[in-house]
Protein backbone atom coordinates (compact mmCIF):
# COMPACT_ATOMS: atom_id res chain seq x y z
CA UNK A 1 16.14 49.51 -17.21
CA UNK A 2 12.85 47.45 -17.68
CA UNK A 3 12.67 45.69 -20.93
CA UNK A 4 9.13 45.91 -22.68
CA UNK A 5 7.79 42.56 -23.25
CA UNK A 6 6.02 42.13 -26.81
CA UNK A 7 2.81 40.91 -27.13
CA UNK A 8 2.32 37.38 -27.73
CA UNK A 9 5.80 36.27 -25.94
CA UNK A 10 6.07 34.19 -22.88
CA UNK A 11 8.53 34.55 -20.12
CA UNK A 12 11.44 31.85 -20.00
CA UNK A 13 9.74 30.73 -16.48
CA UNK A 14 6.06 30.93 -17.82
CA UNK A 15 4.06 27.47 -17.88
CA UNK A 16 0.81 26.94 -19.27
CA UNK A 17 -1.54 24.68 -17.36
CA UNK A 18 -4.35 22.97 -19.16
CA UNK A 19 -7.21 21.18 -17.62
CA UNK A 20 -7.17 17.31 -18.40
CA UNK A 21 -10.25 15.91 -19.94
CA UNK A 22 -11.31 12.23 -20.27
CA UNK A 23 -9.30 9.28 -19.27
CA UNK A 24 -5.53 9.62 -18.91
CA UNK A 25 -2.80 7.74 -17.37
CA UNK A 26 0.47 9.01 -15.66
CA UNK A 27 2.20 11.72 -17.08
CA UNK A 28 5.64 10.72 -16.39
CA UNK A 29 7.49 13.67 -17.54
CA UNK A 30 5.43 15.89 -15.24
CA UNK A 31 5.97 13.67 -12.40
CA UNK A 32 9.61 13.54 -12.90
CA UNK A 33 10.00 17.41 -12.93
CA UNK A 34 8.18 17.38 -9.51
CA UNK A 35 10.35 14.46 -8.11
CA UNK A 36 11.66 16.88 -5.44
CA UNK A 37 8.17 17.34 -4.17
CA UNK A 38 7.49 13.61 -4.20
CA UNK A 39 10.53 13.04 -2.00
CA UNK A 40 9.84 15.91 0.31
CA UNK A 41 6.23 14.82 0.83
CA UNK A 42 7.40 11.29 1.48
CA UNK A 43 9.88 12.22 3.91
CA UNK A 44 7.46 14.55 5.63
CA UNK A 45 4.91 11.87 6.02
CA UNK A 46 7.65 9.60 7.73
CA UNK A 47 8.57 12.61 10.11
CA UNK A 48 5.06 13.41 10.90
CA UNK A 49 4.19 9.67 12.04
CA UNK A 50 7.04 9.53 14.48
CA UNK A 51 7.09 13.16 15.76
CA UNK A 52 6.71 13.70 19.18
CA UNK A 53 6.05 10.16 19.74
CA UNK A 54 7.51 8.47 23.03
CA UNK A 55 7.91 4.92 21.37
CA UNK A 56 8.95 6.51 17.80
CA UNK A 57 9.43 3.71 15.18
CA UNK A 58 8.34 1.16 17.75
CA UNK A 59 4.74 1.78 16.32
CA UNK A 60 5.97 0.08 13.12
CA UNK A 61 6.49 -3.13 15.23
CA UNK A 62 3.76 -2.73 17.85
CA UNK A 63 0.83 -3.15 15.59
CA UNK A 64 1.74 -6.42 14.08
CA UNK A 65 2.98 -7.96 17.38
CA UNK A 66 -0.06 -7.05 19.49
CA UNK A 67 -2.24 -8.43 16.52
CA UNK A 68 0.20 -11.46 16.44
CA UNK A 69 -0.31 -12.10 20.15
CA UNK A 70 -4.31 -11.66 19.92
CA UNK A 71 -4.40 -14.14 16.87
CA UNK A 72 -1.99 -16.56 18.41
CA UNK A 73 -4.21 -16.63 21.61
CA UNK A 74 -7.56 -16.75 19.92
CA UNK A 75 -6.79 -18.70 16.77
CA UNK A 76 -3.60 -20.63 17.65
CA UNK A 77 -4.59 -21.76 21.24
CA UNK A 78 -8.41 -21.78 21.47
CA UNK A 79 -9.59 -22.45 18.00
CA UNK A 80 -6.45 -24.68 17.04
CA UNK A 81 -6.32 -23.48 13.79
CA UNK A 82 -3.61 -25.32 11.41
CA UNK A 83 -0.41 -23.39 10.70
CA UNK A 84 1.28 -25.31 7.99
CA UNK A 85 3.57 -27.14 10.44
CA UNK A 86 4.99 -23.81 11.67
CA UNK A 87 4.39 -22.12 15.22
CA UNK A 88 1.46 -20.11 14.89
CA UNK A 89 3.02 -16.90 16.34
CA UNK A 90 5.59 -17.02 13.38
CA UNK A 91 2.84 -18.06 10.97
CA UNK A 92 0.64 -15.37 11.65
CA UNK A 93 3.36 -12.71 12.23
CA UNK A 94 4.96 -13.59 8.72
CA UNK A 95 1.45 -12.60 7.36
CA UNK A 96 0.93 -9.69 9.37
CA UNK A 97 4.07 -7.98 8.11
CA UNK A 98 2.85 -7.56 4.65
CA UNK A 99 -0.62 -7.04 5.64
CA UNK A 100 0.23 -4.04 8.01
CA UNK A 101 1.94 -2.47 4.99
CA UNK A 102 -1.04 -2.83 2.52
CA UNK A 103 -3.56 -1.95 5.14
CA UNK A 104 -1.88 1.21 6.42
CA UNK A 105 -0.95 2.07 2.69
CA UNK A 106 -4.39 1.95 1.67
CA UNK A 107 -5.74 3.95 4.57
CA UNK A 108 -2.97 6.71 4.17
CA UNK A 109 -3.39 6.73 0.40
CA UNK A 110 -7.15 6.93 0.76
CA UNK A 111 -6.89 9.86 2.89
CA UNK A 112 -4.04 11.51 1.03
CA UNK A 113 -6.01 14.40 -0.64
CA UNK A 114 -8.31 14.99 2.28
CA UNK A 115 -5.26 15.52 4.55
CA UNK A 116 -3.69 17.98 2.02
CA UNK A 117 -6.76 19.67 1.10
CA UNK A 118 -5.40 23.28 1.54
CA UNK A 119 -2.52 22.50 -0.79
CA UNK A 120 -4.97 21.67 -3.57
CA UNK A 121 -6.62 25.00 -4.00
CA UNK A 122 -3.27 26.92 -3.42
CA UNK A 123 -0.66 25.84 -5.83
CA UNK A 124 -0.42 23.63 -8.89
CA UNK A 125 1.51 20.30 -8.64
CA UNK A 126 0.70 16.80 -9.99
CA UNK A 127 -2.03 15.50 -7.77
CA UNK A 128 -0.69 12.01 -8.02
CA UNK A 129 2.25 12.93 -5.84
CA UNK A 130 0.08 12.83 -2.63
CA UNK A 131 -1.17 9.09 -2.85
CA UNK A 132 2.18 8.05 -4.28
CA UNK A 133 4.20 9.56 -1.20
CA UNK A 134 1.66 7.92 1.09
CA UNK A 135 2.76 4.52 -0.37
CA UNK A 136 6.37 5.25 -0.23
CA UNK A 137 6.63 6.37 3.18
CA UNK A 138 4.98 3.08 4.38
CA UNK A 139 8.18 1.28 2.93
CA UNK A 140 9.89 2.51 6.13
CA UNK A 141 7.65 0.74 8.42
CA UNK A 142 7.80 -2.45 6.07
CA UNK A 143 11.48 -2.60 6.71
CA UNK A 144 11.30 -2.26 10.40
CA UNK A 145 8.83 -4.93 10.70
CA UNK A 146 10.95 -7.41 8.30
CA UNK A 147 13.98 -6.79 10.71
CA UNK A 148 11.61 -8.01 13.92
CA UNK A 149 10.45 -10.83 11.40
CA UNK A 150 14.04 -11.80 10.77
CA UNK A 151 14.87 -11.94 14.62
CA UNK A 152 11.74 -14.32 15.09
CA UNK A 153 13.03 -16.46 12.39
CA UNK A 154 16.12 -16.91 14.34
CA UNK A 155 14.42 -17.56 17.57
CA UNK A 156 12.44 -20.36 15.81
CA UNK A 157 15.54 -21.38 13.99
CA UNK A 158 13.89 -21.17 10.61
CA UNK A 159 15.91 -19.90 7.35
CA UNK A 160 14.46 -18.63 4.11
CA UNK A 161 14.98 -20.17 0.86
CA UNK A 162 15.66 -19.25 -2.49
CA UNK A 163 12.37 -18.09 -2.91
CA UNK A 164 13.35 -15.08 -1.02
CA UNK A 165 14.56 -13.28 -4.44
CA UNK A 166 10.70 -12.95 -5.31
CA UNK A 167 10.06 -10.84 -2.43
CA UNK A 168 10.72 -7.72 -4.28
CA UNK A 169 8.03 -8.62 -6.66
CA UNK A 170 5.66 -9.26 -4.12
CA UNK A 171 6.24 -5.94 -2.64
CA UNK A 172 5.64 -4.37 -6.08
CA UNK A 173 2.49 -6.15 -6.29
CA UNK A 174 1.33 -4.97 -2.76
CA UNK A 175 2.12 -1.40 -3.81
CA UNK A 176 0.24 -1.60 -6.79
CA UNK A 177 -2.80 -2.97 -5.25
CA UNK A 178 -2.69 -0.36 -2.38
CA UNK A 179 -1.98 2.46 -4.71
CA UNK A 180 -4.82 1.45 -7.09
CA UNK A 181 -7.41 0.80 -4.58
CA UNK A 182 -6.26 3.96 -2.52
CA UNK A 183 -6.37 6.27 -5.55
CA UNK A 184 -10.17 5.41 -6.22
CA UNK A 185 -11.08 5.77 -2.40
CA UNK A 186 -9.14 9.21 -1.99
CA UNK A 187 -10.77 10.60 -5.22
CA UNK A 188 -14.09 9.58 -3.92
CA UNK A 189 -13.29 10.58 -0.40
CA UNK A 190 -12.32 14.36 -1.38
CA UNK A 191 -16.00 14.73 -2.44
CA UNK A 192 -17.79 12.33 -0.02
CA UNK A 193 -16.19 12.67 3.44
CA UNK A 194 -18.19 9.67 4.79
CA UNK A 195 -15.76 7.44 2.66
CA UNK A 196 -12.93 8.13 5.20
CA UNK A 197 -15.03 6.46 7.77
CA UNK A 198 -16.03 3.50 5.60
CA UNK A 199 -12.31 2.88 4.88
CA UNK A 200 -11.47 1.21 8.22
CA UNK A 201 -14.32 -1.09 8.06
CA UNK A 202 -13.50 -2.04 4.33
CA UNK A 203 -9.78 -3.04 5.40
CA UNK A 204 -11.25 -5.21 8.14
CA UNK A 205 -13.32 -7.26 6.02
CA UNK A 206 -10.24 -7.35 3.38
CA UNK A 207 -8.04 -9.04 6.01
CA UNK A 208 -10.60 -11.89 6.18
CA UNK A 209 -10.27 -12.41 2.63
CA UNK A 210 -6.76 -12.90 2.73
CA UNK A 211 -4.76 -15.88 4.66
CA UNK A 212 -3.54 -13.94 7.45
CA UNK A 213 -5.19 -15.95 10.24
CA UNK A 214 -5.57 -19.02 8.35
CA UNK A 215 -3.40 -21.14 5.83
CA UNK A 216 -4.83 -20.85 2.17
CA UNK A 217 -5.10 -24.66 2.27
CA UNK A 218 -8.25 -23.91 4.30
CA UNK A 219 -10.09 -22.78 1.25
CA UNK A 220 -11.84 -25.56 -0.92
CA UNK A 221 -9.73 -26.58 -4.26
CA UNK A 222 -12.55 -25.49 -6.25
CA UNK A 223 -12.64 -21.89 -5.17
CA UNK A 224 -8.74 -21.41 -4.80
CA UNK A 225 -8.53 -20.09 -8.42
CA UNK A 226 -10.85 -17.22 -7.79
CA UNK A 227 -9.49 -16.84 -4.36
CA UNK A 228 -6.04 -16.13 -5.66
CA UNK A 229 -7.42 -13.43 -7.90
CA UNK A 230 -6.86 -11.20 -4.52
CA UNK A 231 -3.40 -10.05 -4.98
CA UNK A 232 -2.81 -10.37 -1.09
CA UNK A 233 -3.14 -13.92 -1.22
CA UNK A 234 -0.12 -14.54 -3.30
CA UNK A 235 1.82 -11.95 -1.29
CA UNK A 236 1.10 -13.53 2.07
CA UNK A 237 1.47 -17.12 0.65
CA UNK A 238 4.54 -16.11 -1.26
CA UNK A 239 6.20 -14.62 2.09
CA UNK A 240 5.41 -17.81 3.80
CA UNK A 241 6.65 -19.95 1.22
CA UNK A 242 10.15 -18.17 0.85
CA UNK A 243 10.88 -17.31 4.56
CA UNK A 244 9.31 -20.27 6.26
CA UNK A 245 8.98 -22.92 3.74
CA UNK A 246 5.28 -23.76 4.40
CA UNK A 247 4.60 -24.58 0.62
CA UNK A 248 6.12 -24.59 -2.97
CA UNK A 249 6.28 -21.03 -4.34
CA UNK A 250 2.72 -20.47 -5.69
CA UNK A 251 3.96 -19.13 -9.15
CA UNK A 252 0.28 -19.60 -10.55
CA UNK A 253 -1.24 -17.59 -7.66
CA UNK A 254 1.67 -14.76 -8.38
CA UNK A 255 0.69 -14.60 -11.86
CA UNK A 256 -2.81 -14.00 -11.08
CA UNK A 257 -2.09 -11.58 -8.41
CA UNK A 258 0.25 -9.62 -10.68
CA UNK A 259 -2.39 -9.31 -13.39
CA UNK A 260 -5.01 -8.30 -10.97
CA UNK A 261 -2.78 -5.58 -9.22
CA UNK A 262 -1.98 -4.23 -12.51
CA UNK A 263 -5.46 -4.02 -13.48
CA UNK A 264 -6.24 -2.34 -10.07
CA UNK A 265 -3.49 0.21 -10.25
CA UNK A 266 -4.46 1.09 -13.79
CA UNK A 267 -8.07 1.83 -13.10
CA UNK A 268 -7.15 3.65 -10.06
CA UNK A 269 -4.80 5.98 -12.25
CA UNK A 270 -7.78 6.18 -14.78
CA UNK A 271 -10.17 7.05 -12.09
CA UNK A 272 -8.02 9.63 -10.36
CA UNK A 273 -6.91 11.35 -13.54
CA UNK A 274 -10.66 11.58 -14.51
CA UNK A 275 -11.54 13.41 -11.27
CA UNK A 276 -8.30 15.37 -10.70
CA UNK A 277 -9.78 18.37 -12.47
CA UNK A 278 -12.27 18.83 -9.80
CA UNK A 279 -10.07 18.18 -6.79
CA UNK A 280 -9.48 21.83 -6.19
CA UNK A 281 -13.19 22.90 -6.39
CA UNK A 282 -14.21 20.17 -3.71
CA UNK A 283 -11.47 20.30 -1.24
């Protein structure tokens, strides 16, 4: 027997979708309802990265290791770059571990909408799930690289100090910075596809704006307060302070980096939500 639906009534499973207008931040309740999709896409990003790969998870280690080798030869041996009393190989690798996470997360987040363009026009879901899943998936690579870094510290007989408790905060700063910039880039890339090609060049430039191959002390003292507005400066110097003891924990830089990363993440959310309503039309 088929029950007749009265005019104006809604089915129990019916959901009304309204277009978002203006500047809006994250809708936490909606994102929570789609948490299963977030974890599914995160796991998918992890599996796709290593599927049919000969080296497998070794790619998470190979990139910073090869970069460390090149930097050690060019900057450590030839240029005689200072390394705060630490062997240059360990000095550079300690910076390359967080930098690899940041750069790869930024690239994956910036390409997240273009890579999943087919989904945007076929089914509704919070579009924010796509860049968030890219950021979360790269945490696996970060964990693997940290294990290798721990092995190098044992080899060079370096032990971490109490500053290690600050590392989770530094990881959060990295995630917010990559997420904020990535959401701006991905909302532009879905409309202007040449943005995708510019992102690789942008990441290369950003690396030299952070103390990856050189110590932060290399920067003139009068310029350091402005230099520390780059969140990756406090992250890298914080990693080196906690794990290698190269300096005191740069609390003032961490405060500046935290504020900047929060601003970037908020701006990214606002811009992403502003442009969200046109994603399906231009995908």
